[in-house]
Amino acid sequence: MRQARADLAHVNRLTTLGELTAALAHEVIQPIAAAVTHADACLRWLDRDPPNLDEARAAVIMIAKDGMVAKEIIERSRLLFRRAAAT
C-alpha cells in the first residue's frame, strides 16, 4: 500500500511538472514569436527603397518590449521555484 501511494504521488508530481512546463513554454514562446515577427517586418522596412526608418524603429522598439516580457516571465518562474514572494 505504501509503495502504491508513493508511486501515485510520483506520477502526480510528474503530471504537475509536465503541465507547468507546457504552460511556461507557451508563455515564453509568445513574446519570442512576436519578436521574430517584428524583426522580419523591420528587415522588410529597411530593404525598401528608400528604407522606412520610422516603421523599422517602431519594430525595434517592439522587439525590445517583447524581449522584456520574455525576461519577466522567466524571472517570475524562477521566483516560483525559489518559493519567493511574487510581485
N, C-alpha and C. Protein backbone atom coordinates (compact mmCIF):
# COMPACT_ATOMS: atom_id res chain seq x y z
N MET A 1 0.83 -1.19 0.00
CA MET A 1 0.00 0.00 0.00
C MET A 1 0.87 1.25 0.00
N ARG A 2 1.94 1.26 0.81
CA ARG A 2 2.83 2.41 0.85
C ARG A 2 3.49 2.65 -0.50
N GLN A 3 3.90 1.56 -1.15
CA GLN A 3 4.54 1.69 -2.46
C GLN A 3 3.56 2.24 -3.49
N ALA A 4 2.32 1.80 -3.42
CA ALA A 4 1.30 2.30 -4.35
C ALA A 4 1.07 3.79 -4.13
N ARG A 5 1.03 4.24 -2.88
CA ARG A 5 0.87 5.66 -2.57
C ARG A 5 2.07 6.45 -3.07
N ALA A 6 3.27 5.92 -2.85
CA ALA A 6 4.48 6.60 -3.31
C ALA A 6 4.50 6.70 -4.83
N ASP A 7 4.10 5.62 -5.50
CA ASP A 7 4.05 5.64 -6.96
C ASP A 7 3.02 6.65 -7.46
N LEU A 8 1.88 6.70 -6.82
CA LEU A 8 0.84 7.64 -7.20
C LEU A 8 1.30 9.08 -6.97
N ALA A 9 1.96 9.33 -5.85
CA ALA A 9 2.48 10.67 -5.58
C ALA A 9 3.51 11.06 -6.63
N HIS A 10 4.35 10.11 -7.03
CA HIS A 10 5.37 10.38 -8.05
C HIS A 10 4.71 10.72 -9.39
N VAL A 11 3.72 9.94 -9.78
CA VAL A 11 3.01 10.19 -11.04
C VAL A 11 2.33 11.56 -10.97
N ASN A 12 1.76 11.90 -9.84
CA ASN A 12 1.12 13.20 -9.67
C ASN A 12 2.13 14.33 -9.84
N ARG A 13 3.31 14.19 -9.25
CA ARG A 13 4.35 15.21 -9.39
C ARG A 13 4.78 15.34 -10.84
N LEU A 14 4.96 14.22 -11.53
CA LEU A 14 5.36 14.25 -12.93
C LEU A 14 4.29 14.92 -13.80
N THR A 15 3.05 14.62 -13.53
CA THR A 15 1.96 15.22 -14.28
C THR A 15 1.93 16.73 -14.06
N THR A 16 2.05 17.14 -12.82
CA THR A 16 2.06 18.56 -12.49
C THR A 16 3.24 19.26 -13.14
N LEU A 17 4.41 18.64 -13.10
CA LEU A 17 5.60 19.21 -13.71
C LEU A 17 5.42 19.33 -15.22
N GLY A 18 4.82 18.34 -15.85
CA GLY A 18 4.57 18.40 -17.28
C GLY A 18 3.63 19.53 -17.64
N GLU A 19 2.57 19.71 -16.86
CA GLU A 19 1.63 20.80 -17.11
C GLU A 19 2.29 22.16 -16.92
N LEU A 20 3.10 22.28 -15.88
CA LEU A 20 3.80 23.53 -15.62
C LEU A 20 4.78 23.84 -16.75
N THR A 21 5.50 22.82 -17.20
CA THR A 21 6.45 23.01 -18.29
C THR A 21 5.75 23.47 -19.55
N ALA A 22 4.63 22.86 -19.87
CA ALA A 22 3.87 23.25 -21.07
C ALA A 22 3.37 24.69 -20.95
N ALA A 23 2.89 25.06 -19.78
CA ALA A 23 2.39 26.42 -19.58
C ALA A 23 3.53 27.45 -19.70
N LEU A 24 4.66 27.15 -19.09
CA LEU A 24 5.80 28.07 -19.18
C LEU A 24 6.31 28.19 -20.61
N ALA A 25 6.38 27.07 -21.31
CA ALA A 25 6.84 27.10 -22.70
C ALA A 25 5.91 27.98 -23.54
N HIS A 26 4.62 27.82 -23.34
CA HIS A 26 3.65 28.63 -24.08
C HIS A 26 3.84 30.11 -23.78
N GLU A 27 3.99 30.45 -22.51
CA GLU A 27 4.14 31.86 -22.11
C GLU A 27 5.41 32.48 -22.66
N VAL A 28 6.50 31.72 -22.73
CA VAL A 28 7.77 32.26 -23.22
C VAL A 28 7.78 32.30 -24.75
N ILE A 29 7.17 31.33 -25.39
CA ILE A 29 7.16 31.28 -26.85
C ILE A 29 6.42 32.48 -27.44
N GLN A 30 5.36 32.93 -26.80
CA GLN A 30 4.56 34.03 -27.34
C GLN A 30 5.39 35.30 -27.58
N PRO A 31 6.10 35.83 -26.58
CA PRO A 31 6.87 37.05 -26.86
C PRO A 31 8.05 36.81 -27.80
N ILE A 32 8.62 35.61 -27.79
CA ILE A 32 9.71 35.31 -28.71
C ILE A 32 9.19 35.30 -30.15
N ALA A 33 8.05 34.67 -30.37
CA ALA A 33 7.45 34.66 -31.71
C ALA A 33 7.11 36.07 -32.17
N ALA A 34 6.61 36.89 -31.25
CA ALA A 34 6.31 38.28 -31.61
C ALA A 34 7.58 39.03 -31.98
N ALA A 35 8.67 38.81 -31.25
CA ALA A 35 9.94 39.48 -31.57
C ALA A 35 10.43 39.07 -32.95
N VAL A 36 10.31 37.79 -33.29
CA VAL A 36 10.73 37.32 -34.62
C VAL A 36 9.88 37.98 -35.70
N THR A 37 8.59 38.09 -35.47
CA THR A 37 7.70 38.73 -36.44
C THR A 37 8.09 40.19 -36.63
N HIS A 38 8.35 40.89 -35.52
CA HIS A 38 8.76 42.30 -35.61
C HIS A 38 10.11 42.44 -36.31
N ALA A 39 11.02 41.51 -36.07
CA ALA A 39 12.33 41.56 -36.74
C ALA A 39 12.18 41.37 -38.24
N ASP A 40 11.33 40.43 -38.64
CA ASP A 40 11.08 40.22 -40.08
C ASP A 40 10.50 41.48 -40.71
N ALA A 41 9.56 42.10 -40.04
CA ALA A 41 8.97 43.34 -40.56
C ALA A 41 10.02 44.45 -40.64
N CYS A 42 10.85 44.54 -39.62
CA CYS A 42 11.91 45.55 -39.61
C CYS A 42 12.83 45.38 -40.81
N LEU A 43 13.21 44.16 -41.09
CA LEU A 43 14.09 43.91 -42.24
C LEU A 43 13.41 44.31 -43.55
N ARG A 44 12.12 44.02 -43.67
CA ARG A 44 11.40 44.42 -44.88
C ARG A 44 11.39 45.94 -45.03
N TRP A 45 11.15 46.65 -43.93
CA TRP A 45 11.12 48.11 -43.99
C TRP A 45 12.50 48.68 -44.30
N LEU A 46 13.54 48.06 -43.81
CA LEU A 46 14.89 48.52 -44.11
C LEU A 46 15.30 48.22 -45.55
N ASP A 47 14.73 47.16 -46.14
CA ASP A 47 15.06 46.78 -47.51
C ASP A 47 14.34 47.63 -48.55
N ARG A 48 13.38 48.42 -48.15
CA ARG A 48 12.65 49.25 -49.11
C ARG A 48 13.58 50.34 -49.68
N ASP A 49 13.18 50.87 -50.80
CA ASP A 49 13.94 51.96 -51.41
C ASP A 49 13.04 53.17 -51.54
N PRO A 50 13.11 54.15 -50.69
CA PRO A 50 14.04 54.29 -49.57
C PRO A 50 13.54 53.51 -48.35
N PRO A 51 14.45 53.22 -47.44
CA PRO A 51 14.04 52.48 -46.22
C PRO A 51 13.02 53.28 -45.41
N ASN A 52 12.09 52.55 -44.82
CA ASN A 52 11.10 53.20 -43.95
C ASN A 52 11.65 53.13 -42.52
N LEU A 53 12.42 54.14 -42.17
CA LEU A 53 13.11 54.12 -40.88
C LEU A 53 12.17 54.28 -39.70
N ASP A 54 11.09 55.02 -39.88
CA ASP A 54 10.15 55.18 -38.77
C ASP A 54 9.51 53.85 -38.40
N GLU A 55 9.08 53.09 -39.41
CA GLU A 55 8.48 51.78 -39.14
C GLU A 55 9.52 50.81 -38.59
N ALA A 56 10.73 50.86 -39.13
CA ALA A 56 11.79 49.98 -38.63
C ALA A 56 12.10 50.29 -37.18
N ARG A 57 12.17 51.57 -36.85
CA ARG A 57 12.42 51.97 -35.46
C ARG A 57 11.31 51.48 -34.54
N ALA A 58 10.07 51.59 -34.98
CA ALA A 58 8.94 51.12 -34.18
C ALA A 58 9.03 49.60 -33.97
N ALA A 59 9.46 48.88 -35.01
CA ALA A 59 9.60 47.43 -34.89
C ALA A 59 10.69 47.07 -33.89
N VAL A 60 11.79 47.80 -33.92
CA VAL A 60 12.87 47.53 -32.97
C VAL A 60 12.42 47.81 -31.54
N ILE A 61 11.64 48.82 -31.34
CA ILE A 61 11.09 49.12 -30.01
C ILE A 61 10.21 47.96 -29.54
N MET A 62 9.40 47.41 -30.45
CA MET A 62 8.54 46.28 -30.09
C MET A 62 9.38 45.03 -29.79
N ILE A 63 10.47 44.83 -30.52
CA ILE A 63 11.35 43.70 -30.25
C ILE A 63 11.90 43.81 -28.83
N ALA A 64 12.33 45.01 -28.45
CA ALA A 64 12.86 45.22 -27.10
C ALA A 64 11.78 44.94 -26.05
N LYS A 65 10.57 45.39 -26.30
CA LYS A 65 9.47 45.14 -25.35
C LYS A 65 9.17 43.64 -25.25
N ASP A 66 9.14 42.96 -26.39
CA ASP A 66 8.88 41.52 -26.38
C ASP A 66 9.97 40.78 -25.60
N GLY A 67 11.21 41.21 -25.77
CA GLY A 67 12.31 40.61 -25.02
C GLY A 67 12.15 40.81 -23.53
N MET A 68 11.70 41.98 -23.13
CA MET A 68 11.48 42.25 -21.70
C MET A 68 10.35 41.39 -21.15
N VAL A 69 9.31 41.19 -21.94
CA VAL A 69 8.20 40.33 -21.50
C VAL A 69 8.71 38.91 -21.26
N ALA A 70 9.49 38.39 -22.19
CA ALA A 70 10.03 37.03 -22.03
C ALA A 70 10.93 36.97 -20.79
N LYS A 71 11.76 37.99 -20.61
CA LYS A 71 12.65 38.05 -19.44
C LYS A 71 11.83 38.04 -18.14
N GLU A 72 10.77 38.82 -18.09
CA GLU A 72 9.94 38.89 -16.89
C GLU A 72 9.25 37.56 -16.60
N ILE A 73 8.81 36.88 -17.64
CA ILE A 73 8.18 35.56 -17.46
C ILE A 73 9.18 34.60 -16.83
N ILE A 74 10.39 34.60 -17.35
CA ILE A 74 11.42 33.70 -16.81
C ILE A 74 11.77 34.07 -15.38
N GLU A 75 11.89 35.36 -15.09
CA GLU A 75 12.21 35.79 -13.72
C GLU A 75 11.10 35.38 -12.75
N ARG A 76 9.84 35.56 -13.14
CA ARG A 76 8.74 35.15 -12.26
C ARG A 76 8.72 33.64 -12.07
N SER A 77 9.06 32.90 -13.10
CA SER A 77 9.13 31.44 -12.99
C SER A 77 10.22 31.03 -12.01
N ARG A 78 11.34 31.70 -12.07
CA ARG A 78 12.43 31.38 -11.15
C ARG A 78 12.01 31.66 -9.70
N LEU A 79 11.26 32.73 -9.49
CA LEU A 79 10.77 33.03 -8.15
C LEU A 79 9.83 31.93 -7.66
N LEU A 80 9.02 31.42 -8.56
CA LEU A 80 8.10 30.35 -8.20
C LEU A 80 8.86 29.14 -7.66
N PHE A 81 9.96 28.80 -8.32
CA PHE A 81 10.73 27.64 -7.90
C PHE A 81 11.56 27.90 -6.64
N ARG A 82 11.83 29.16 -6.36
CA ARG A 82 12.57 29.51 -5.15
C ARG A 82 11.66 29.71 -3.94
N ARG A 83 10.37 29.63 -4.17
CA ARG A 83 9.36 29.87 -3.13
C ARG A 83 9.47 31.30 -2.59
N ALA A 84 9.87 32.22 -3.44
CA ALA A 84 9.96 33.61 -3.04
C ALA A 84 8.62 34.28 -3.30
N ALA A 85 8.44 35.41 -2.68
CA ALA A 85 7.20 36.15 -2.87
C ALA A 85 7.17 36.72 -4.27
N ALA A 86 6.11 36.49 -5.00
CA ALA A 86 5.97 37.01 -6.35
C ALA A 86 5.47 38.45 -6.31
N THR A 87 5.88 39.20 -7.32
CA THR A 87 5.41 40.60 -7.41
C THR A 87 4.39 40.71 -8.51
